[in-house]
Amino acid sequence: MSKLEYYSRPLVAFDAANKEHRRFYHQFIKTMSWGHCPVRFIVPDGTGMDLVKMIQTELLRYYVEKEFKGEKPLPKHRIKVGLTSGGFGLTIDA
């Protein structure tokens, strides 16, 4: 094991539910630097995202699920579009 690897910050997967991880991201937003972050976050291959975009996506998912957890889904409305002799006709079933 190299000295560089031995002294480096540990690699972790970002978890939006982890308050400490959210705090690290908040510090990054304030300073625009990961220099004071005690860990390095992993970006999974094949996501096509950079670290900041991945964290923003995870946070958005976390807060939306938290806000709407336990709510009933919205009723589905049906929209019918058809041709009439005068053009298009539109009816909305509520």
Protein backbone atom coordinates (compact mmCIF):
# COMPACT_ATOMS: atom_id res chain seq x y z
CA MET A 1 0.00 0.00 0.00
CA SER A 2 1.35 3.41 -0.94
CA LYS A 3 1.64 6.27 1.54
CA LEU A 4 -0.68 8.35 -0.63
CA GLU A 5 -3.37 5.67 -0.46
CA TYR A 6 -2.81 5.21 3.29
CA TYR A 7 -3.26 8.90 4.10
CA SER A 8 -6.09 9.60 1.66
CA ARG A 9 -9.67 10.21 2.72
CA PRO A 10 -11.95 7.16 2.74
CA LEU A 11 -14.25 6.53 -0.23
CA VAL A 12 -17.97 6.44 0.56
CA ALA A 13 -21.21 6.38 -1.41
CA PHE A 14 -23.30 9.52 -0.93
CA ASP A 15 -26.44 8.83 1.10
CA ALA A 16 -28.99 11.67 1.09
CA ALA A 17 -30.59 10.24 4.24
CA ASN A 18 -27.29 10.68 6.11
CA LYS A 19 -27.31 14.09 7.80
CA GLU A 20 -23.50 14.17 7.89
CA HIS A 21 -23.32 13.67 4.10
CA ARG A 22 -25.81 16.51 3.59
CA ARG A 23 -23.67 18.69 5.88
CA PHE A 24 -20.56 17.92 3.78
CA TYR A 25 -22.43 18.96 0.63
CA HIS A 26 -23.66 22.15 2.32
CA GLN A 27 -20.06 23.00 3.24
CA PHE A 28 -19.08 22.41 -0.40
CA ILE A 29 -21.81 24.81 -1.57
CA LYS A 30 -20.60 27.49 0.86
CA THR A 31 -16.89 27.16 0.03
CA MET A 32 -17.00 25.71 -3.51
CA SER A 33 -14.31 23.27 -2.38
CA TRP A 34 -14.18 19.69 -1.15
CA GLY A 35 -10.94 20.50 0.71
CA HIS A 36 -12.46 20.25 4.20
CA CYS A 37 -14.59 17.19 3.49
CA PRO A 38 -13.24 14.20 5.46
CA VAL A 39 -14.43 11.67 2.86
CA ARG A 40 -14.40 11.25 -0.90
CA PHE A 41 -17.75 10.46 -2.50
CA ILE A 42 -17.93 7.77 -5.17
CA VAL A 43 -19.64 8.44 -8.50
CA PRO A 44 -20.91 5.14 -9.96
CA ASP A 45 -19.77 4.38 -13.49
CA GLY A 46 -22.34 4.65 -16.23
CA THR A 47 -24.42 7.40 -14.62
CA GLY A 48 -23.12 10.05 -16.99
CA MET A 49 -23.09 12.54 -14.14
CA ASP A 50 -20.41 14.37 -12.24
CA LEU A 51 -20.33 14.30 -8.44
CA VAL A 52 -22.28 17.53 -7.86
CA LYS A 53 -25.04 16.57 -10.32
CA MET A 54 -25.32 13.12 -8.75
CA ILE A 55 -25.64 14.59 -5.23
CA GLN A 56 -28.24 17.13 -6.40
CA THR A 57 -30.26 14.32 -8.00
CA GLU A 58 -30.09 12.18 -4.85
CA LEU A 59 -31.08 15.12 -2.62
CA LEU A 60 -34.02 15.99 -4.86
CA ARG A 61 -35.23 12.39 -4.77
CA TYR A 62 -34.78 12.26 -0.98
CA TYR A 63 -36.72 15.46 -0.24
CA VAL A 64 -39.54 14.76 -2.72
CA GLU A 65 -40.05 11.25 -1.31
CA LYS A 66 -39.93 12.64 2.23
CA GLU A 67 -42.49 15.34 1.46
CA PHE A 68 -45.01 13.13 -0.32
CA LYS A 69 -44.56 9.87 1.62
CA GLY A 70 -47.91 8.42 2.61
CA GLU A 71 -50.01 10.60 0.30
CA LYS A 72 -52.57 9.04 -1.99
CA PRO A 73 -51.75 9.31 -5.69
CA LEU A 74 -53.57 11.94 -7.70
CA PRO A 75 -56.65 10.70 -9.60
CA LYS A 76 -56.01 9.96 -13.23
CA HIS A 77 -57.92 12.11 -15.70
CA ARG A 78 -58.65 10.81 -19.14
CA ILE A 79 -58.32 13.00 -22.17
CA LYS A 80 -59.99 11.91 -25.40
CA VAL A 81 -58.95 13.46 -28.67
CA GLY A 82 -60.89 12.61 -31.79
CA LEU A 83 -61.68 13.84 -35.28
CA THR A 84 -65.00 15.47 -36.03
CA SER A 85 -66.37 16.82 -39.27
CA GLY A 86 -65.30 20.34 -38.21
CA GLY A 87 -61.77 19.39 -37.10
CA PHE A 88 -60.47 18.03 -33.85
CA GLY A 89 -62.67 17.46 -30.82
CA LEU A 90 -61.40 17.38 -27.28
CA THR A 91 -63.23 16.00 -24.27
CA ILE A 92 -61.85 15.72 -20.76
CA ASP A 93 -63.33 13.22 -18.33
CA ALA A 94 -62.95 14.42 -14.77
